Amino acid sequence: MLPTEEQLAEIAKKEEYLSEKTKLVAQRKALLEELEFAENDMEEGLIQEKRDALATHIKALASRLRQIEEWETLA
């Protein structure tokens, strides 16, 4: 089965997704360092919320990349 036009468009964006994922992982790691220096629970909570949001986005990108790799094997 050949990939659809939409799937081919997603395959073309693979490098963009990889780059974005790498950037987000670096941001999440940087927030971990900020978390160590948080001065109070409120600041710690805000940083953790940002880290959680980034984790969710990273997981979505990873899932999309796995799907793209699967489509690439069909192409």
C-alpha atoms as a PDB file:
ATOM      1  CA  MET A   1       0.000   0.000   0.000  1.00  0.00           C
ATOM      2  CA  LEU A   2       1.401   3.366  -1.008  1.00  0.00           C
ATOM      3  CA  PRO A   3       1.304   6.311   1.413  1.00  0.00           C
ATOM      4  CA  THR A   4      -1.350   8.966   0.845  1.00  0.00           C
ATOM      5  CA  GLU A   5      -0.535  12.570  -0.026  1.00  0.00           C
ATOM      6  CA  GLU A   6      -1.082  13.544   3.622  1.00  0.00           C
ATOM      7  CA  GLN A   7       1.292  10.821   4.780  1.00  0.00           C
ATOM      8  CA  LEU A   8       3.898  11.907   2.232  1.00  0.00           C
ATOM      9  CA  ALA A   9       3.566  15.486   3.485  1.00  0.00           C
ATOM     10  CA  GLU A  10       4.167  14.280   7.039  1.00  0.00           C
ATOM     11  CA  ILE A  11       7.181  12.246   5.902  1.00  0.00           C
ATOM     12  CA  ALA A  12       8.585  15.422   4.335  1.00  0.00           C
ATOM     13  CA  LYS A  13       8.302  17.172   7.716  1.00  0.00           C
ATOM     14  CA  LYS A  14      10.258  14.461   9.568  1.00  0.00           C
ATOM     15  CA  GLU A  15      13.445  16.521   9.945  1.00  0.00           C
ATOM     16  CA  GLU A  16      11.413  19.479  11.200  1.00  0.00           C
ATOM     17  CA  TYR A  17       9.765  17.271  13.826  1.00  0.00           C
ATOM     18  CA  LEU A  18      13.120  15.805  14.877  1.00  0.00           C
ATOM     19  CA  SER A  19      14.572  19.290  15.259  1.00  0.00           C
ATOM     20  CA  GLU A  20      11.585  20.482  17.284  1.00  0.00           C
ATOM     21  CA  LYS A  21      11.748  17.416  19.545  1.00  0.00           C
ATOM     22  CA  THR A  22      15.459  17.981  20.194  1.00  0.00           C
ATOM     23  CA  LYS A  23      14.796  21.630  21.039  1.00  0.00           C
ATOM     24  CA  LEU A  24      11.963  20.757  23.421  1.00  0.00           C
ATOM     25  CA  VAL A  25      14.031  18.083  25.178  1.00  0.00           C
ATOM     26  CA  ALA A  26      16.777  20.682  25.730  1.00  0.00           C
ATOM     27  CA  GLN A  27      14.233  23.173  27.110  1.00  0.00           C
ATOM     28  CA  ARG A  28      12.821  20.549  29.468  1.00  0.00           C
ATOM     29  CA  LYS A  29      16.314  19.687  30.675  1.00  0.00           C
ATOM     30  CA  ALA A  30      17.068  23.390  31.269  1.00  0.00           C
ATOM     31  CA  LEU A  31      13.914  23.659  33.364  1.00  0.00           C
ATOM     32  CA  LEU A  32      15.165  20.809  35.526  1.00  0.00           C
ATOM     33  CA  GLU A  33      18.146  22.974  36.439  1.00  0.00           C
ATOM     34  CA  GLU A  34      15.817  25.907  37.186  1.00  0.00           C
ATOM     35  CA  LEU A  35      13.744  23.582  39.355  1.00  0.00           C
ATOM     36  CA  GLU A  36      16.779  22.928  41.550  1.00  0.00           C
ATOM     37  CA  PHE A  37      17.082  26.648  42.243  1.00  0.00           C
ATOM     38  CA  ALA A  38      13.376  27.369  42.779  1.00  0.00           C
ATOM     39  CA  GLU A  39      12.965  29.605  45.798  1.00  0.00           C
ATOM     40  CA  ASN A  40       9.505  28.497  46.865  1.00  0.00           C
ATOM     41  CA  ASP A  41       6.773  25.952  46.231  1.00  0.00           C
ATOM     42  CA  MET A  42       4.865  28.261  43.898  1.00  0.00           C
ATOM     43  CA  GLU A  43       7.863  28.787  41.640  1.00  0.00           C
ATOM     44  CA  GLU A  44       8.598  25.062  41.779  1.00  0.00           C
ATOM     45  CA  GLY A  45       5.003  24.302  40.791  1.00  0.00           C
ATOM     46  CA  LEU A  46       5.115  26.666  37.803  1.00  0.00           C
ATOM     47  CA  ILE A  47       8.359  25.166  36.545  1.00  0.00           C
ATOM     48  CA  GLN A  48       6.974  21.654  36.963  1.00  0.00           C
ATOM     49  CA  GLU A  49       3.852  22.622  34.986  1.00  0.00           C
ATOM     50  CA  LYS A  50       6.070  23.872  32.147  1.00  0.00           C
ATOM     51  CA  ARG A  51       8.086  20.635  32.252  1.00  0.00           C
ATOM     52  CA  ASP A  52       4.896  18.552  32.171  1.00  0.00           C
ATOM     53  CA  ALA A  53       3.554  20.498  29.177  1.00  0.00           C
ATOM     54  CA  LEU A  54       6.847  20.009  27.347  1.00  0.00           C
ATOM     55  CA  ALA A  55       6.806  16.285  28.171  1.00  0.00           C
ATOM     56  CA  THR A  56       3.335  15.967  26.670  1.00  0.00           C
ATOM     57  CA  HIS A  57       4.436  17.750  23.504  1.00  0.00           C
ATOM     58  CA  ILE A  58       7.602  15.645  23.271  1.00  0.00           C
ATOM     59  CA  LYS A  59       5.583  12.436  23.593  1.00  0.00           C
ATOM     60  CA  ALA A  60       3.211  13.593  20.841  1.00  0.00           C
ATOM     61  CA  LEU A  61       6.154  14.342  18.548  1.00  0.00           C
ATOM     62  CA  ALA A  62       7.754  10.986  19.325  1.00  0.00           C
ATOM     63  CA  SER A  63       4.501   9.239  18.452  1.00  0.00           C
ATOM     64  CA  ARG A  64       4.229  11.203  15.206  1.00  0.00           C
ATOM     65  CA  LEU A  65       7.833  10.308  14.332  1.00  0.00           C
ATOM     66  CA  ARG A  66       7.172   6.609  14.956  1.00  0.00           C
ATOM     67  CA  GLN A  67       4.167   6.817  12.638  1.00  0.00           C
ATOM     68  CA  ILE A  68       6.265   8.560   9.967  1.00  0.00           C
ATOM     69  CA  GLU A  69       8.912   5.849  10.196  1.00  0.00           C
ATOM     70  CA  GLU A  70       6.213   3.243   9.717  1.00  0.00           C
ATOM     71  CA  TRP A  71       4.953   5.063   6.614  1.00  0.00           C
ATOM     72  CA  GLU A  72       8.502   5.332   5.283  1.00  0.00           C
ATOM     73  CA  THR A  73       8.773   1.562   5.264  1.00  0.00           C
ATOM     74  CA  LEU A  74       5.656   1.455   3.073  1.00  0.00           C
ATOM     75  CA  ALA A  75       6.964   4.049   0.607  1.00  0.00           C
END
